[in-house]
Amino acid sequence: MVCQACEKKLQKVACPEKWRDSKTDKQGESSGRKVNENKLLSGAKRYQPYGQKKCKTCKQNLHQDGLYCQSCAYVKGLCSMCGKQLMDVSKYKQSTS
C-alpha cells in the first residue's frame, strides 16, 4: 500500500534520458553518454540486493525504498514508503501471520 504522494517515487525508470535529444544536440555531436554503460550499475542510486533497508517491525529486507514491508504495511493500514496512516484497520479481522 502506497499513498498518492509516494506513487511518484515508484515510477522511476532505469534509463530515463534519451540517447539523443534532437532539440539540444546538433547533428554529429555526441550527447555525452558513455557507450555500453549500464545505468543500473553506474547510477548514484543503484540497486543493492543485500541493502541496508529493513522493515521497522519484522526486520525483513525491503525491495524498494521505504519503512515497512508490504505485509506489515497492509496489516497496519500504513503507507509502506512514508508510514502515513491510510485506513483504519481497527474493525478488520486479520490473521496474525
PDB file of N, CA and C in Angstrom:
ATOM      1  N   MET A   1       0.839  -1.163   0.000  1.00  0.00           N
ATOM      2  CA  MET A   1       0.000   0.000   0.000  1.00  0.00           C
ATOM      3  C   MET A   1       0.894   1.239   0.000  1.00  0.00           C
ATOM      4  N   VAL A   2       0.642   2.120  -0.947  1.00  0.00           N
ATOM      5  CA  VAL A   2       1.425   3.338  -1.072  1.00  0.00           C
ATOM      6  C   VAL A   2       0.468   4.513  -1.212  1.00  0.00           C
ATOM      7  N   CYS A   3       0.776   5.636  -0.537  1.00  0.00           N
ATOM      8  CA  CYS A   3      -0.081   6.818  -0.631  1.00  0.00           C
ATOM      9  C   CYS A   3       0.142   7.515  -1.975  1.00  0.00           C
ATOM     10  N   GLN A   4      -0.702   8.492  -2.275  1.00  0.00           N
ATOM     11  CA  GLN A   4      -0.618   9.188  -3.561  1.00  0.00           C
ATOM     12  C   GLN A   4       0.673   9.984  -3.697  1.00  0.00           C
ATOM     13  N   ALA A   5       1.175  10.515  -2.601  1.00  0.00           N
ATOM     14  CA  ALA A   5       2.421  11.287  -2.660  1.00  0.00           C
ATOM     15  C   ALA A   5       3.619  10.395  -2.996  1.00  0.00           C
ATOM     16  N   CYS A   6       3.588   9.152  -2.557  1.00  0.00           N
ATOM     17  CA  CYS A   6       4.710   8.229  -2.798  1.00  0.00           C
ATOM     18  C   CYS A   6       4.596   7.491  -4.132  1.00  0.00           C
ATOM     19  N   GLU A   7       3.482   7.579  -4.813  1.00  0.00           N
ATOM     20  CA  GLU A   7       3.332   6.911  -6.106  1.00  0.00           C
ATOM     21  C   GLU A   7       4.303   7.463  -7.131  1.00  0.00           C
ATOM     22  N   LYS A   8       4.655   8.735  -7.027  1.00  0.00           N
ATOM     23  CA  LYS A   8       5.598   9.340  -7.964  1.00  0.00           C
ATOM     24  C   LYS A   8       6.975   8.711  -7.835  1.00  0.00           C
ATOM     25  N   LYS A   9       7.345   8.291  -6.643  1.00  0.00           N
ATOM     26  CA  LYS A   9       8.647   7.680  -6.410  1.00  0.00           C
ATOM     27  C   LYS A   9       8.748   6.292  -7.045  1.00  0.00           C
ATOM     28  N   LEU A  10       7.612   5.630  -7.224  1.00  0.00           N
ATOM     29  CA  LEU A  10       7.614   4.275  -7.788  1.00  0.00           C
ATOM     30  C   LEU A  10       7.785   4.261  -9.295  1.00  0.00           C
ATOM     31  N   GLN A  11       7.538   5.376  -9.961  1.00  0.00           N
ATOM     32  CA  GLN A  11       7.537   5.402 -11.414  1.00  0.00           C
ATOM     33  C   GLN A  11       8.874   5.843 -11.983  1.00  0.00           C
ATOM     34  N   LYS A  12       9.974   5.404 -11.400  1.00  0.00           N
ATOM     35  CA  LYS A  12      11.294   5.739 -11.900  1.00  0.00           C
ATOM     36  C   LYS A  12      11.738   4.683 -12.909  1.00  0.00           C
ATOM     37  N   VAL A  13      12.421   5.139 -13.940  1.00  0.00           N
ATOM     38  CA  VAL A  13      12.910   4.257 -14.986  1.00  0.00           C
ATOM     39  C   VAL A  13      14.419   4.122 -14.821  1.00  0.00           C
ATOM     40  N   ALA A  14      14.971   2.986 -15.187  1.00  0.00           N
ATOM     41  CA  ALA A  14      16.401   2.761 -15.028  1.00  0.00           C
ATOM     42  C   ALA A  14      17.213   3.702 -15.904  1.00  0.00           C
ATOM     43  N   CYS A  15      16.737   3.993 -17.081  1.00  0.00           N
ATOM     44  CA  CYS A  15      17.462   4.864 -18.013  1.00  0.00           C
ATOM     45  C   CYS A  15      16.507   5.914 -18.578  1.00  0.00           C
ATOM     46  N   PRO A  16      16.219   6.987 -17.843  1.00  0.00           N
ATOM     47  CA  PRO A  16      15.216   7.941 -18.291  1.00  0.00           C
ATOM     48  C   PRO A  16      15.662   8.861 -19.413  1.00  0.00           C
ATOM     49  N   GLU A  17      16.965   9.089 -19.583  1.00  0.00           N
ATOM     50  CA  GLU A  17      17.405  10.026 -20.606  1.00  0.00           C
ATOM     51  C   GLU A  17      17.493   9.357 -21.966  1.00  0.00           C
ATOM     52  N   LYS A  18      17.314  10.136 -22.998  1.00  0.00           N
ATOM     53  CA  LYS A  18      17.353   9.611 -24.361  1.00  0.00           C
ATOM     54  C   LYS A  18      18.793   9.580 -24.859  1.00  0.00           C
ATOM     55  N   TRP A  19      19.016   8.783 -25.891  1.00  0.00           N
ATOM     56  CA  TRP A  19      20.347   8.724 -26.482  1.00  0.00           C
ATOM     57  C   TRP A  19      20.702  10.069 -27.087  1.00  0.00           C
ATOM     58  N   ARG A  20      19.778  10.665 -27.791  1.00  0.00           N
ATOM     59  CA  ARG A  20      19.979  11.992 -28.367  1.00  0.00           C
ATOM     60  C   ARG A  20      18.717  12.812 -28.190  1.00  0.00           C
ATOM     61  N   ASP A  21      18.893  14.006 -27.732  1.00  0.00           N
ATOM     62  CA  ASP A  21      17.781  14.937 -27.636  1.00  0.00           C
ATOM     63  C   ASP A  21      17.886  15.860 -28.849  1.00  0.00           C
ATOM     64  N   SER A  22      16.965  15.746 -29.762  1.00  0.00           N
ATOM     65  CA  SER A  22      17.068  16.453 -31.036  1.00  0.00           C
ATOM     66  C   SER A  22      16.984  17.965 -30.878  1.00  0.00           C
ATOM     67  N   LYS A  23      16.424  18.462 -29.771  1.00  0.00           N
ATOM     68  CA  LYS A  23      16.296  19.903 -29.583  1.00  0.00           C
ATOM     69  C   LYS A  23      17.612  20.544 -29.159  1.00  0.00           C
ATOM     70  N   THR A  24      18.418  19.856 -28.362  1.00  0.00           N
ATOM     71  CA  THR A  24      19.635  20.462 -27.840  1.00  0.00           C
ATOM     72  C   THR A  24      20.886  20.050 -28.608  1.00  0.00           C
ATOM     73  N   ASP A  25      20.946  18.845 -29.122  1.00  0.00           N
ATOM     74  CA  ASP A  25      22.145  18.392 -29.817  1.00  0.00           C
ATOM     75  C   ASP A  25      22.115  18.819 -31.272  1.00  0.00           C
ATOM     76  N   LYS A  26      23.301  19.143 -31.763  1.00  0.00           N
ATOM     77  CA  LYS A  26      23.434  19.444 -33.184  1.00  0.00           C
ATOM     78  C   LYS A  26      23.796  18.159 -33.907  1.00  0.00           C
ATOM     79  N   GLN A  27      23.679  18.181 -35.183  1.00  0.00           N
ATOM     80  CA  GLN A  27      23.961  17.000 -35.984  1.00  0.00           C
ATOM     81  C   GLN A  27      25.433  16.615 -35.851  1.00  0.00           C
ATOM     82  N   GLY A  28      25.732  15.403 -35.478  1.00  0.00           N
ATOM     83  CA  GLY A  28      27.091  14.895 -35.421  1.00  0.00           C
ATOM     84  C   GLY A  28      27.757  15.018 -34.063  1.00  0.00           C
ATOM     85  N   GLU A  29      27.191  15.751 -33.107  1.00  0.00           N
ATOM     86  CA  GLU A  29      27.788  15.863 -31.779  1.00  0.00           C
ATOM     87  C   GLU A  29      27.281  14.742 -30.880  1.00  0.00           C
ATOM     88  N   SER A  30      28.146  14.302 -29.983  1.00  0.00           N
ATOM     89  CA  SER A  30      27.698  13.268 -29.050  1.00  0.00           C
ATOM     90  C   SER A  30      26.966  13.926 -27.885  1.00  0.00           C
ATOM     91  N   SER A  31      26.127  13.189 -27.237  1.00  0.00           N
ATOM     92  CA  SER A  31      25.323  13.729 -26.146  1.00  0.00           C
ATOM     93  C   SER A  31      26.029  13.614 -24.800  1.00  0.00           C
ATOM     94  N   GLY A  32      27.270  13.120 -24.766  1.00  0.00           N
ATOM     95  CA  GLY A  32      27.995  12.994 -23.517  1.00  0.00           C
ATOM     96  C   GLY A  32      27.750  11.674 -22.819  1.00  0.00           C
ATOM     97  N   ARG A  33      27.003  10.794 -23.408  1.00  0.00           N
ATOM     98  CA  ARG A  33      26.714   9.496 -22.812  1.00  0.00           C
ATOM     99  C   ARG A  33      27.816   8.519 -23.174  1.00  0.00           C
ATOM    100  N   LYS A  34      28.233   7.712 -22.204  1.00  0.00           N
ATOM    101  CA  LYS A  34      29.244   6.694 -22.466  1.00  0.00           C
ATOM    102  C   LYS A  34      28.617   5.545 -23.236  1.00  0.00           C
ATOM    103  N   VAL A  35      29.368   4.966 -24.130  1.00  0.00           N
ATOM    104  CA  VAL A  35      28.881   3.837 -24.917  1.00  0.00           C
ATOM    105  C   VAL A  35      28.979   2.579 -24.061  1.00  0.00           C
ATOM    106  N   ASN A  36      27.980   1.737 -24.142  1.00  0.00           N
ATOM    107  CA  ASN A  36      27.893   0.471 -23.405  1.00  0.00           C
ATOM    108  C   ASN A  36      27.927   0.665 -21.891  1.00  0.00           C
ATOM    109  N   GLU A  37      27.309   1.722 -21.413  1.00  0.00           N
ATOM    110  CA  GLU A  37      27.255   1.977 -19.979  1.00  0.00           C
ATOM    111  C   GLU A  37      25.959   1.422 -19.418  1.00  0.00           C
ATOM    112  N   ASN A  38      26.047   0.671 -18.346  1.00  0.00           N
ATOM    113  CA  ASN A  38      24.882   0.121 -17.684  1.00  0.00           C
ATOM    114  C   ASN A  38      24.404   1.120 -16.637  1.00  0.00           C
ATOM    115  N   LYS A  39      23.254   1.764 -16.868  1.00  0.00           N
ATOM    116  CA  LYS A  39      22.771   2.821 -15.987  1.00  0.00           C
ATOM    117  C   LYS A  39      22.349   2.282 -14.616  1.00  0.00           C
ATOM    118  N   LEU A  40      21.970   1.030 -14.532  1.00  0.00           N
ATOM    119  CA  LEU A  40      21.608   0.466 -13.230  1.00  0.00           C
ATOM    120  C   LEU A  40      22.822   0.342 -12.311  1.00  0.00           C
ATOM    121  N   LEU A  41      23.985   0.072 -12.894  1.00  0.00           N
ATOM    122  CA  LEU A  41      25.173  -0.114 -12.081  1.00  0.00           C
ATOM    123  C   LEU A  41      25.954   1.173 -11.863  1.00  0.00           C
ATOM    124  N   SER A  42      25.884   2.097 -12.805  1.00  0.00           N
ATOM    125  CA  SER A  42      26.687   3.305 -12.694  1.00  0.00           C
ATOM    126  C   SER A  42      25.950   4.463 -12.044  1.00  0.00           C
ATOM    127  N   GLY A  43      24.650   4.358 -11.845  1.00  0.00           N
ATOM    128  CA  GLY A  43      23.874   5.447 -11.271  1.00  0.00           C
ATOM    129  C   GLY A  43      24.177   5.651  -9.795  1.00  0.00           C
ATOM    130  N   ALA A  44      23.813   6.816  -9.289  1.00  0.00           N
ATOM    131  CA  ALA A  44      24.061   7.134  -7.884  1.00  0.00           C
ATOM    132  C   ALA A  44      23.193   6.274  -6.971  1.00  0.00           C
ATOM    133  N   LYS A  45      21.945   6.042  -7.367  1.00  0.00           N
ATOM    134  CA  LYS A  45      21.043   5.216  -6.560  1.00  0.00           C
ATOM    135  C   LYS A  45      20.915   3.843  -7.205  1.00  0.00           C
ATOM    136  N   ARG A  46      21.935   3.049  -7.101  1.00  0.00           N
ATOM    137  CA  ARG A  46      21.865   1.741  -7.721  1.00  0.00           C
ATOM    138  C   ARG A  46      21.209   0.738  -6.790  1.00  0.00           C
ATOM    139  N   TYR A  47      20.729  -0.339  -7.356  1.00  0.00           N
ATOM    140  CA  TYR A  47      20.012  -1.366  -6.604  1.00  0.00           C
ATOM    141  C   TYR A  47      20.987  -2.170  -5.763  1.00  0.00           C
ATOM    142  N   GLN A  48      20.702  -2.277  -4.483  1.00  0.00           N
ATOM    143  CA  GLN A  48      21.506  -3.063  -3.556  1.00  0.00           C
ATOM    144  C   GLN A  48      20.709  -4.309  -3.174  1.00  0.00           C
ATOM    145  N   PRO A  49      21.053  -5.500  -3.702  1.00  0.00           N
ATOM    146  CA  PRO A  49      20.252  -6.680  -3.391  1.00  0.00           C
ATOM    147  C   PRO A  49      20.302  -7.074  -1.918  1.00  0.00           C
ATOM    148  N   TYR A  50      21.396  -6.805  -1.251  1.00  0.00           N
ATOM    149  CA  TYR A  50      21.504  -7.084   0.175  1.00  0.00           C
ATOM    150  C   TYR A  50      21.655  -5.757   0.912  1.00  0.00           C
ATOM    151  N   GLY A  51      20.751  -4.846   0.619  1.00  0.00           N
ATOM    152  CA  GLY A  51      20.835  -3.486   1.113  1.00  0.00           C
ATOM    153  C   GLY A  51      20.609  -3.352   2.603  1.00  0.00           C
ATOM    154  N   GLN A  52      20.768  -2.138   3.073  1.00  0.00           N
ATOM    155  CA  GLN A  52      20.653  -1.859   4.493  1.00  0.00           C
ATOM    156  C   GLN A  52      19.217  -1.572   4.903  1.00  0.00           C
ATOM    157  N   LYS A  53      18.300  -1.397   3.970  1.00  0.00           N
ATOM    158  CA  LYS A  53      16.915  -1.074   4.296  1.00  0.00           C
ATOM    159  C   LYS A  53      16.204  -2.306   4.843  1.00  0.00           C
ATOM    160  N   LYS A  54      15.633  -2.164   6.040  1.00  0.00           N
ATOM    161  CA  LYS A  54      14.889  -3.252   6.660  1.00  0.00           C
ATOM    162  C   LYS A  54      13.572  -2.720   7.183  1.00  0.00           C
ATOM    163  N   CYS A  55      12.591  -3.586   7.288  1.00  0.00           N
ATOM    164  CA  CYS A  55      11.276  -3.235   7.814  1.00  0.00           C
ATOM    165  C   CYS A  55      11.398  -2.892   9.293  1.00  0.00           C
ATOM    166  N   LYS A  56      10.620  -1.890   9.732  1.00  0.00           N
ATOM    167  CA  LYS A  56      10.687  -1.469  11.139  1.00  0.00           C
ATOM    168  C   LYS A  56      10.149  -2.524  12.095  1.00  0.00           C
ATOM    169  N   THR A  57       9.157  -3.288  11.680  1.00  0.00           N
ATOM    170  CA  THR A  57       8.522  -4.229  12.603  1.00  0.00           C
ATOM    171  C   THR A  57       9.117  -5.630  12.531  1.00  0.00           C
ATOM    172  N   CYS A  58       9.273  -6.170  11.328  1.00  0.00           N
ATOM    173  CA  CYS A  58       9.707  -7.568  11.218  1.00  0.00           C
ATOM    174  C   CYS A  58      11.172  -7.725  10.802  1.00  0.00           C
ATOM    175  N   LYS A  59      11.867  -6.635  10.529  1.00  0.00           N
ATOM    176  CA  LYS A  59      13.294  -6.631  10.161  1.00  0.00           C
ATOM    177  C   LYS A  59      13.594  -7.411   8.891  1.00  0.00           C
ATOM    178  N   GLN A  60      12.627  -7.511   8.004  1.00  0.00           N
ATOM    179  CA  GLN A  60      12.809  -8.184   6.719  1.00  0.00           C
ATOM    180  C   GLN A  60      13.428  -7.201   5.735  1.00  0.00           C
ATOM    181  N   ASN A  61      14.279  -7.668   4.806  1.00  0.00           N
ATOM    182  CA  ASN A  61      14.878  -6.795   3.805  1.00  0.00           C
ATOM    183  C   ASN A  61      13.798  -6.251   2.871  1.00  0.00           C
ATOM    184  N   LEU A  62      13.914  -4.968   2.535  1.00  0.00           N
ATOM    185  CA  LEU A  62      12.947  -4.322   1.652  1.00  0.00           C
ATOM    186  C   LEU A  62      13.467  -4.319   0.217  1.00  0.00           C
ATOM    187  N   HIS A  63      12.564  -4.469  -0.747  1.00  0.00           N
ATOM    188  CA  HIS A  63      12.948  -4.475  -2.144  1.00  0.00           C
ATOM    189  C   HIS A  63      12.868  -3.087  -2.767  1.00  0.00           C
ATOM    190  N   GLN A  64      12.315  -2.100  -2.031  1.00  0.00           N
ATOM    191  CA  GLN A  64      12.241  -0.725  -2.507  1.00  0.00           C
ATOM    192  C   GLN A  64      12.438   0.202  -1.311  1.00  0.00           C
ATOM    193  N   ASP A  65      12.640   1.491  -1.595  1.00  0.00           N
ATOM    194  CA  ASP A  65      12.818   2.448  -0.506  1.00  0.00           C
ATOM    195  C   ASP A  65      11.552   2.511   0.327  1.00  0.00           C
ATOM    196  N   GLY A  66      11.703   2.552   1.624  1.00  0.00           N
ATOM    197  CA  GLY A  66      10.537   2.639   2.479  1.00  0.00           C
ATOM    198  C   GLY A  66      10.843   2.284   3.917  1.00  0.00           C
ATOM    199  N   LEU A  67       9.788   2.231   4.711  1.00  0.00           N
ATOM    200  CA  LEU A  67       9.921   1.927   6.128  1.00  0.00           C
ATOM    201  C   LEU A  67       9.407   0.543   6.486  1.00  0.00           C
ATOM    202  N   TYR A  68       8.347   0.094   5.806  1.00  0.00           N
ATOM    203  CA  TYR A  68       7.686  -1.166   6.126  1.00  0.00           C
ATOM    204  C   TYR A  68       7.634  -2.075   4.903  1.00  0.00           C
ATOM    205  N   CYS A  69       7.639  -3.394   5.142  1.00  0.00           N
ATOM    206  CA  CYS A  69       7.409  -4.342   4.046  1.00  0.00           C
ATOM    207  C   CYS A  69       5.923  -4.305   3.690  1.00  0.00           C
ATOM    208  N   GLN A  70       5.562  -4.890   2.572  1.00  0.00           N
ATOM    209  CA  GLN A  70       4.179  -4.811   2.101  1.00  0.00           C
ATOM    210  C   GLN A  70       3.208  -5.500   3.046  1.00  0.00           C
ATOM    211  N   SER A  71       3.611  -6.616   3.627  1.00  0.00           N
ATOM    212  CA  SER A  71       2.693  -7.333   4.514  1.00  0.00           C
ATOM    213  C   SER A  71       2.451  -6.572   5.817  1.00  0.00           C
ATOM    214  N   CYS A  72       3.491  -5.985   6.396  1.00  0.00           N
ATOM    215  CA  CYS A  72       3.308  -5.205   7.627  1.00  0.00           C
ATOM    216  C   CYS A  72       2.522  -3.925   7.356  1.00  0.00           C
ATOM    217  N   ALA A  73       2.744  -3.301   6.222  1.00  0.00           N
ATOM    218  CA  ALA A  73       2.014  -2.083   5.878  1.00  0.00           C
ATOM    219  C   ALA A  73       0.534  -2.376   5.669  1.00  0.00           C
ATOM    220  N   TYR A  74       0.224  -3.514   5.075  1.00  0.00           N
ATOM    221  CA  TYR A  74      -1.169  -3.878   4.849  1.00  0.00           C
ATOM    222  C   TYR A  74      -1.887  -4.179   6.166  1.00  0.00           C
ATOM    223  N   VAL A  75      -1.215  -4.908   7.058  1.00  0.00           N
ATOM    224  CA  VAL A  75      -1.829  -5.278   8.331  1.00  0.00           C
ATOM    225  C   VAL A  75      -2.103  -4.042   9.188  1.00  0.00           C
ATOM    226  N   LYS A  76      -1.200  -3.068   9.156  1.00  0.00           N
ATOM    227  CA  LYS A  76      -1.361  -1.866   9.965  1.00  0.00           C
ATOM    228  C   LYS A  76      -2.120  -0.750   9.249  1.00  0.00           C
ATOM    229  N   GLY A  77      -2.317  -0.867   7.934  1.00  0.00           N
ATOM    230  CA  GLY A  77      -3.005   0.164   7.171  1.00  0.00           C
ATOM    231  C   GLY A  77      -2.148   1.388   6.917  1.00  0.00           C
ATOM    232  N   LEU A  78      -0.842   1.201   6.755  1.00  0.00           N
ATOM    233  CA  LEU A  78       0.103   2.297   6.571  1.00  0.00           C
ATOM    234  C   LEU A  78       0.637   2.337   5.149  1.00  0.00           C
ATOM    235  N   CYS A  79       1.170   3.490   4.765  1.00  0.00           N
ATOM    236  CA  CYS A  79       1.925   3.603   3.514  1.00  0.00           C
ATOM    237  C   CYS A  79       3.272   2.922   3.753  1.00  0.00           C
ATOM    238  N   SER A  80       3.704   2.064   2.849  1.00  0.00           N
ATOM    239  CA  SER A  80       4.943   1.317   3.077  1.00  0.00           C
ATOM    240  C   SER A  80       6.180   2.187   2.906  1.00  0.00           C
ATOM    241  N   MET A  81       6.061   3.324   2.219  1.00  0.00           N
ATOM    242  CA  MET A  81       7.231   4.163   1.989  1.00  0.00           C
ATOM    243  C   MET A  81       7.399   5.259   3.040  1.00  0.00           C
ATOM    244  N   CYS A  82       6.325   5.934   3.415  1.00  0.00           N
ATOM    245  CA  CYS A  82       6.458   7.055   4.352  1.00  0.00           C
ATOM    246  C   CYS A  82       5.862   6.763   5.728  1.00  0.00           C
ATOM    247  N   GLY A  83       5.032   5.745   5.872  1.00  0.00           N
ATOM    248  CA  GLY A  83       4.466   5.382   7.156  1.00  0.00           C
ATOM    249  C   GLY A  83       3.204   6.135   7.526  1.00  0.00           C
ATOM    250  N   LYS A  84       2.621   6.876   6.577  1.00  0.00           N
ATOM    251  CA  LYS A  84       1.405   7.635   6.850  1.00  0.00           C
ATOM    252  C   LYS A  84       0.204   6.694   6.943  1.00  0.00           C
ATOM    253  N   GLN A  85      -0.702   6.966   7.876  1.00  0.00           N
ATOM    254  CA  GLN A  85      -1.903   6.136   8.062  1.00  0.00           C
ATOM    255  C   GLN A  85      -2.837   6.312   6.861  1.00  0.00           C
ATOM    256  N   LEU A  86      -3.162   5.219   6.175  1.00  0.00           N
ATOM    257  CA  LEU A  86      -4.025   5.279   5.004  1.00  0.00           C
ATOM    258  C   LEU A  86      -5.460   4.893   5.317  1.00  0.00           C
ATOM    259  N   MET A  87      -5.639   3.905   6.187  1.00  0.00           N
ATOM    260  CA  MET A  87      -7.003   3.493   6.524  1.00  0.00           C
ATOM    261  C   MET A  87      -7.039   2.933   7.937  1.00  0.00           C
ATOM    262  N   ASP A  88      -8.228   2.964   8.510  1.00  0.00           N
ATOM    263  CA  ASP A  88      -8.427   2.474   9.865  1.00  0.00           C
ATOM    264  C   ASP A  88      -8.701   0.975   9.809  1.00  0.00           C
ATOM    265  N   VAL A  89      -7.847   0.192  10.425  1.00  0.00           N
ATOM    266  CA  VAL A  89      -7.981  -1.265  10.396  1.00  0.00           C
ATOM    267  C   VAL A  89      -8.398  -1.822  11.756  1.00  0.00           C
ATOM    268  N   SER A  90      -8.927  -0.983  12.624  1.00  0.00           N
ATOM    269  CA  SER A  90      -9.299  -1.445  13.958  1.00  0.00           C
ATOM    270  C   SER A  90     -10.495  -2.405  13.919  1.00  0.00           C
ATOM    271  N   LYS A  91     -11.390  -2.261  12.962  1.00  0.00           N
ATOM    272  CA  LYS A  91     -12.575  -3.124  12.862  1.00  0.00           C
ATOM    273  C   LYS A  91     -12.354  -4.327  11.938  1.00  0.00           C
ATOM    274  N   TYR A  92     -11.152  -4.423  11.338  1.00  0.00           N
ATOM    275  CA  TYR A  92     -10.859  -5.526  10.420  1.00  0.00           C
ATOM    276  C   TYR A  92     -10.482  -6.764  11.208  1.00  0.00           C
ATOM    277  N   LYS A  93     -10.846  -7.915  10.677  1.00  0.00           N
ATOM    278  CA  LYS A  93     -10.473  -9.189  11.285  1.00  0.00           C
ATOM    279  C   LYS A  93      -9.354  -9.787  10.426  1.00  0.00           C
ATOM    280  N   GLN A  94      -8.123  -9.620  10.886  1.00  0.00           N
ATOM    281  CA  GLN A  94      -6.974 -10.078  10.122  1.00  0.00           C
ATOM    282  C   GLN A  94      -6.227 -11.149  10.891  1.00  0.00           C
ATOM    283  N   SER A  95      -5.582 -12.031  10.161  1.00  0.00           N
ATOM    284  CA  SER A  95      -4.815 -13.091  10.814  1.00  0.00           C
ATOM    285  C   SER A  95      -3.495 -12.531  11.325  1.00  0.00           C
ATOM    286  N   THR A  96      -2.869 -13.223  12.234  1.00  0.00           N
ATOM    287  CA  THR A  96      -1.616 -12.758  12.813  1.00  0.00           C
ATOM    288  C   THR A  96      -0.418 -13.111  11.962  1.00  0.00           C
ATOM    289  N   SER A  97      -0.553 -13.992  11.010  1.00  0.00           N
ATOM    290  CA  SER A  97       0.593 -14.402  10.204  1.00  0.00           C
ATOM    291  C   SER A  97       0.672 -13.659   8.912  1.00  0.00           C
TER     292      SER A  97
END
